[in-house]
Protein backbone atom coordinates (compact mmCIF):
# COMPACT_ATOMS: atom_id res chain seq x y z
CA MET A 1 132.56 176.57 111.25
CA TRP A 2 130.07 173.53 111.11
CA THR A 3 126.74 174.42 109.23
CA ARG A 4 124.03 172.04 108.23
CA PRO A 5 123.92 170.48 104.62
CA SER A 6 120.99 171.56 102.77
CA ARG A 7 119.99 167.79 102.28
CA PRO A 8 120.11 165.37 104.70
CA ARG A 9 122.35 162.79 104.70
CA ARG A 10 121.12 159.11 104.84
CA TRP A 11 122.90 157.24 107.67
CA GLY A 12 122.58 153.65 108.85
CA CYS A 13 120.01 154.70 111.91
CA ARG A 14 118.12 157.47 109.65
CA LEU A 15 116.22 159.75 111.77
CA LYS A 16 113.07 157.97 112.35
CA CYS A 17 115.14 155.38 114.36
CA VAL A 18 116.36 157.83 117.20
CA PRO A 19 114.84 158.26 119.90
CA ARG A 20 112.12 161.09 120.12
CA SER A 21 114.14 163.04 122.67
CA MET A 22 117.28 162.97 120.65
CA ARG A 23 115.84 164.05 117.44
CA SER A 24 116.63 167.87 118.24
CA ARG A 25 120.11 167.66 119.09
CA ARG A 26 122.47 168.82 115.98
CA ASP A 27 124.09 165.57 114.67
CA ILE A 28 127.59 165.96 115.12
CA GLY A 29 128.04 162.58 116.93
CA VAL A 30 126.76 160.76 113.53
CA SER A 31 129.17 162.20 111.50
CA ILE A 32 131.89 159.31 112.43
CA LEU A 33 129.21 156.87 110.86
CA LYS A 34 129.65 155.77 107.57
CA PRO A 35 126.60 156.93 105.32
CA LEU A 36 124.01 154.64 103.79
CA SER A 37 122.02 155.06 100.93
CA ARG A 38 118.44 154.57 100.55
CA ASP A 39 118.80 150.90 98.12
CA THR A 40 121.99 149.97 100.90
CA LEU A 41 119.33 150.00 103.71
CA THR A 42 116.33 148.26 101.63
CA LYS A 43 118.81 145.75 100.41
CA GLN A 44 119.97 145.22 104.06
CA ALA A 45 116.21 144.86 105.43
CA ALA A 46 115.22 142.25 102.73
CA ASP A 47 118.55 140.58 103.24
CA THR A 48 117.83 140.22 107.10
CA LEU A 49 114.27 139.34 106.39
CA ARG A 50 114.95 136.31 103.66
CA ARG A 51 117.69 134.98 106.13
CA PHE A 52 114.90 134.93 109.15
CA ILE A 53 112.42 133.34 106.83
CA LEU A 54 114.74 130.42 105.47
CA ALA A 55 116.86 130.09 108.97
CA GLU A 56 113.99 130.13 111.16
CA THR A 57 111.08 127.14 111.85
CA VAL A 58 108.60 129.21 110.03
CA ARG A 59 105.92 127.82 108.11
CA PRO A 60 103.43 127.99 105.00
CA GLY A 61 101.03 130.58 107.03
CA ASP A 62 103.07 131.85 109.80
CA ALA A 63 102.66 135.91 110.33
CA LEU A 64 105.49 137.80 110.26
CA PRO A 65 106.01 140.84 112.71
CA SER A 66 103.91 144.23 111.64
CA GLU A 67 105.84 146.74 109.58
CA ARG A 68 106.11 148.91 112.83
CA GLU A 69 107.84 145.99 114.40
CA LEU A 70 109.82 145.09 112.17
CA SER A 71 110.85 149.26 111.64
CA GLU A 72 112.23 149.16 115.21
CA THR A 73 113.21 145.47 115.57
CA LEU A 74 115.62 146.34 112.45
CA SER A 75 116.30 150.03 113.30
CA VAL A 76 114.98 151.47 110.06
CA SER A 77 112.14 153.71 109.01
CA ARG A 78 108.88 152.07 107.81
CA ASN A 79 109.37 153.15 104.47
CA ILE A 80 112.36 151.04 103.79
CA VAL A 81 110.50 147.96 105.44
CA ARG A 82 107.44 148.70 103.09
CA GLU A 83 110.10 148.12 99.99
CA ALA A 84 112.08 145.16 101.54
CA LEU A 85 108.55 143.13 101.94
CA THR A 86 107.91 144.13 98.45
CA VAL A 87 111.36 142.89 97.76
CA LEU A 88 110.27 139.11 99.42
CA VAL A 89 106.89 139.43 97.80
CA ALA A 90 108.23 139.58 94.54
CA GLU A 91 110.31 136.46 94.84
CA GLY A 92 107.49 134.81 96.15
CA LEU A 93 108.23 134.31 100.16
CA ILE A 94 105.40 135.99 102.03
CA VAL A 95 102.60 137.85 100.74
CA LYS A 96 100.64 141.12 102.17
CA LYS A 97 97.06 140.34 103.00
CA PRO A 98 95.48 144.20 103.57
CA GLY A 99 93.78 144.44 106.70
CA SER A 100 95.54 140.85 107.91
CA GLY A 101 99.13 141.12 108.23
CA ILE A 102 102.28 139.69 106.38
CA PHE A 103 102.34 135.75 105.43
CA VAL A 104 105.06 133.46 105.11
CA THR A 105 103.84 131.75 101.23
CA ASP A 106 104.29 127.68 101.01
CA PHE A 107 107.31 128.87 98.98
CA ASP A 108 109.78 125.71 97.08
CA LEU A 109 113.15 126.30 99.03
CA ALA A 110 114.58 123.83 96.42
CA SER A 111 114.07 126.81 94.30
CA VAL A 112 114.21 129.59 96.35
CA THR A 113 117.76 129.13 98.06
CA PRO A 114 120.01 128.77 94.93
CA PRO A 115 119.11 132.26 93.16
CA ILE A 116 118.81 134.21 96.33
CA ALA A 117 122.41 134.86 97.94
CA VAL A 118 122.50 134.83 101.22
CA SER A 119 125.45 136.32 102.76
CA LEU A 120 126.37 135.49 106.66
CA ASP A 121 129.26 138.01 106.93
CA TYR A 122 127.51 141.10 107.46
CA ASP A 123 129.27 143.91 107.91
CA GLY A 124 130.83 141.69 110.33
CA ARG A 125 134.13 143.99 110.68
CA ASP A 126 131.95 147.38 111.20
CA LEU A 127 129.81 145.71 113.69
CA ALA A 128 133.20 144.03 115.68
CA ALA A 129 134.30 148.26 115.46
CA LEU A 130 131.06 149.56 116.21
CA GLY A 131 130.72 147.06 119.62
CA GLU A 132 134.12 148.30 120.72
CA ALA A 133 133.35 151.90 119.76
CA ARG A 134 130.14 151.59 121.87
CA ALA A 135 131.56 150.01 124.93
CA SER A 136 134.74 152.53 124.93
CA VAL A 137 131.95 155.10 125.33
CA GLU A 138 129.38 153.91 127.91
CA LEU A 139 132.55 152.16 130.24
CA GLY A 140 134.59 155.35 130.01
CA ALA A 141 131.34 157.40 130.64
CA VAL A 142 130.19 155.23 133.89
CA GLU A 143 131.56 158.05 136.96
CA LEU A 144 129.49 160.56 134.75
CA MET A 145 126.46 158.50 134.97
CA VAL A 146 126.68 157.73 138.55
CA THR A 147 127.43 161.25 139.74
CA ARG A 148 124.68 162.73 137.57
CA ILE A 149 121.75 160.74 136.49
CA THR A 150 118.31 162.32 138.38
CA GLY A 151 115.61 160.01 139.84
CA ALA A 152 113.64 161.13 137.11
CA GLN A 153 116.21 159.00 134.72
CA LEU A 154 116.36 156.08 137.34
CA VAL A 155 112.82 155.80 136.97
CA GLN A 156 112.84 156.22 133.72
CA LEU A 157 115.13 152.87 133.23
CA GLU A 158 112.96 151.23 135.22
CA GLU A 159 109.70 152.03 133.17
CA ILE A 160 112.03 150.77 130.35
CA ASN A 161 113.21 147.89 131.87
CA ARG A 162 109.86 147.06 132.74
CA ALA A 163 108.39 147.30 129.67
CA LEU A 164 111.59 145.37 127.78
CA ALA A 165 110.79 142.40 130.25
CA GLU A 166 107.05 141.88 129.36
CA LYS A 167 108.25 141.79 125.14
CA LEU A 168 110.46 139.41 126.87
CA GLN A 169 107.74 137.37 128.19
CA GLN A 170 106.01 137.25 125.35
CA ASN A 171 109.07 135.89 123.33
CA ARG A 172 109.09 139.20 121.01
CA SER A 173 111.98 141.37 119.93
CA ALA A 174 112.59 143.90 122.87
CA VAL A 175 115.15 145.95 120.47
CA ARG A 176 113.82 149.10 120.80
CA HIS A 177 113.14 149.16 124.50
CA ASP A 178 117.00 147.88 124.68
CA ILE A 179 118.08 151.34 122.56
CA GLU A 180 115.86 153.15 124.59
CA PHE A 181 118.16 151.76 127.95
CA HIS A 182 121.14 152.57 126.75
CA THR A 183 119.96 156.18 124.95
CA VAL A 184 119.23 157.07 128.93
CA LEU A 185 122.33 155.74 130.14
CA PHE A 186 123.81 158.20 127.84
CA GLU A 187 121.75 161.50 128.51
CA ALA A 188 122.47 160.68 132.70
CA THR A 189 125.76 161.97 132.09
CA HIS A 190 124.38 165.48 131.07
CA ASN A 191 127.47 165.82 128.74
CA PRO A 192 126.26 167.05 125.35
CA VAL A 193 129.27 165.37 123.46
CA LEU A 194 128.54 162.03 124.83
CA ILE A 195 124.90 162.35 124.15
CA ASP A 196 125.61 163.37 120.38
CA LEU A 197 127.03 160.06 120.17
CA ALA A 198 123.66 157.74 121.05
CA PRO A 199 123.42 157.08 116.90
CA LEU A 200 126.37 154.77 117.83
CA LEU A 201 123.79 152.83 119.46
CA VAL A 202 120.96 152.55 117.31
CA GLU A 203 123.93 151.63 114.10
CA TYR A 204 125.33 148.86 116.57
CA PHE A 205 122.00 147.09 116.81
CA ARG A 206 120.71 147.49 113.30
CA LEU A 207 124.29 145.46 112.28
CA SER A 208 123.58 143.18 115.15
CA VAL A 209 120.07 142.33 113.67
CA ALA A 210 121.22 141.97 110.57
CA GLN A 211 124.19 139.38 111.89
CA SER A 212 121.77 137.76 113.92
CA PRO A 213 117.69 137.87 112.36
CA ASP A 214 116.60 135.52 114.80
CA VAL A 215 116.35 138.75 117.37
CA ILE A 216 113.30 139.78 114.84
CA VAL A 217 110.75 137.81 116.83
CA ARG A 218 113.34 137.16 120.48
CA SER A 219 115.57 138.97 122.15
CA PRO A 220 118.02 136.89 124.81
CA LYS A 221 116.18 136.43 128.09
CA ARG A 222 118.84 137.54 130.40
CA ILE A 223 118.68 141.49 129.30
CA ALA A 224 116.33 142.59 131.90
CA ASP A 225 117.90 140.93 134.80
CA GLU A 226 121.58 142.67 133.25
CA HIS A 227 120.01 145.84 132.67
CA GLN A 228 118.27 145.46 136.48
CA ARG A 229 121.58 145.14 138.20
CA ILE A 230 122.71 148.41 135.63
CA ILE A 231 119.87 150.31 137.77
CA GLU A 232 120.98 149.34 141.17
CA GLY A 233 124.80 150.03 140.47
CA LEU A 234 123.35 153.63 139.44
CA ARG A 235 120.68 153.64 142.03
CA GLN A 236 123.33 153.38 144.88
CA ARG A 237 125.74 155.54 143.44
CA ASP A 238 128.34 152.81 143.01
CA VAL A 239 130.82 152.85 140.09
CA THR A 240 132.39 149.87 140.68
CA ALA A 241 128.87 148.00 140.70
CA THR A 242 128.07 149.84 137.93
CA ARG A 243 131.03 149.67 135.91
CA ARG A 244 130.98 145.54 136.55
CA ALA A 245 126.89 145.05 135.63
CA LEU A 246 127.88 147.11 132.22
CA LEU A 247 130.64 145.28 131.29
CA ALA A 248 128.76 142.29 131.92
CA HIS A 249 126.04 143.48 129.51
CA LEU A 250 127.71 144.68 127.19
CA ASP A 251 130.23 141.29 126.67
CA PRO A 252 128.94 138.27 127.82
CA THR A 253 131.53 136.12 126.69
CA ARG A 254 133.72 137.85 128.31
CA SER A 255 136.17 138.16 125.16
CA THR A 256 137.20 141.83 125.13
CA PRO A 257 140.08 143.73 126.36
CA TRP A 258 137.93 145.21 129.34
CA SER A 259 136.99 141.72 130.42
CA LYS A 260 140.33 140.08 130.35
CA ALA A 261 142.03 143.45 131.80
CA ASN A 262 139.59 142.35 134.60
CA ALA A 263 140.65 139.18 134.72
CA GLU A 264 143.98 139.72 135.17
């Protein structure tokens, strides 16, 4: 018999980054994810931000996104973001100016780089496994999405995608809207077990950002168009078109077994 733990476990996605509509549901699906300690989340967030500062063409005095935006993009709570920023302040990479924002300092790259280990292989196997699990669930649920999605959910998808497109035009991260879009797809199945798997999305995006920190300030422009094709397939109640659009979105390089099977 399932009983709620006396103390909440710290999962990679954490409760605050799960969309609000999902917070009242029992965390059955989360049990398949690896629990992460607060220290681990802080370290991963700090490493991601450090890699972004060192790898991107940021200049002294450039402002980083706000704590709220970083929280949404990194899929962690604002407390974790604050702790990660404190680490970078101590390393001399950034300075926090109350009322003004977070700014890159005029640090000496030669002196900063050696003592800071920047890992390029950040949970790569976990990300690949999560990506396969996510694709398996979403592609396998297409029939349920197509037959059960409501008019209100189609409108919700349109609104989310418009907000996402605006972020892309502003060259800002659209990770939060991407998560919200796919969460609605899960909810469109109206299957409580599948809906409880939505935290998979948050964990997948969190690890994706860790591997490609450039999405902190930009996301691929193709996302909005791909989302729109998924919406059109759902609106037409066309299983084949919806699955084709979703597969093209989840696997743009056509390297997964699903794409290879369709090509044969």
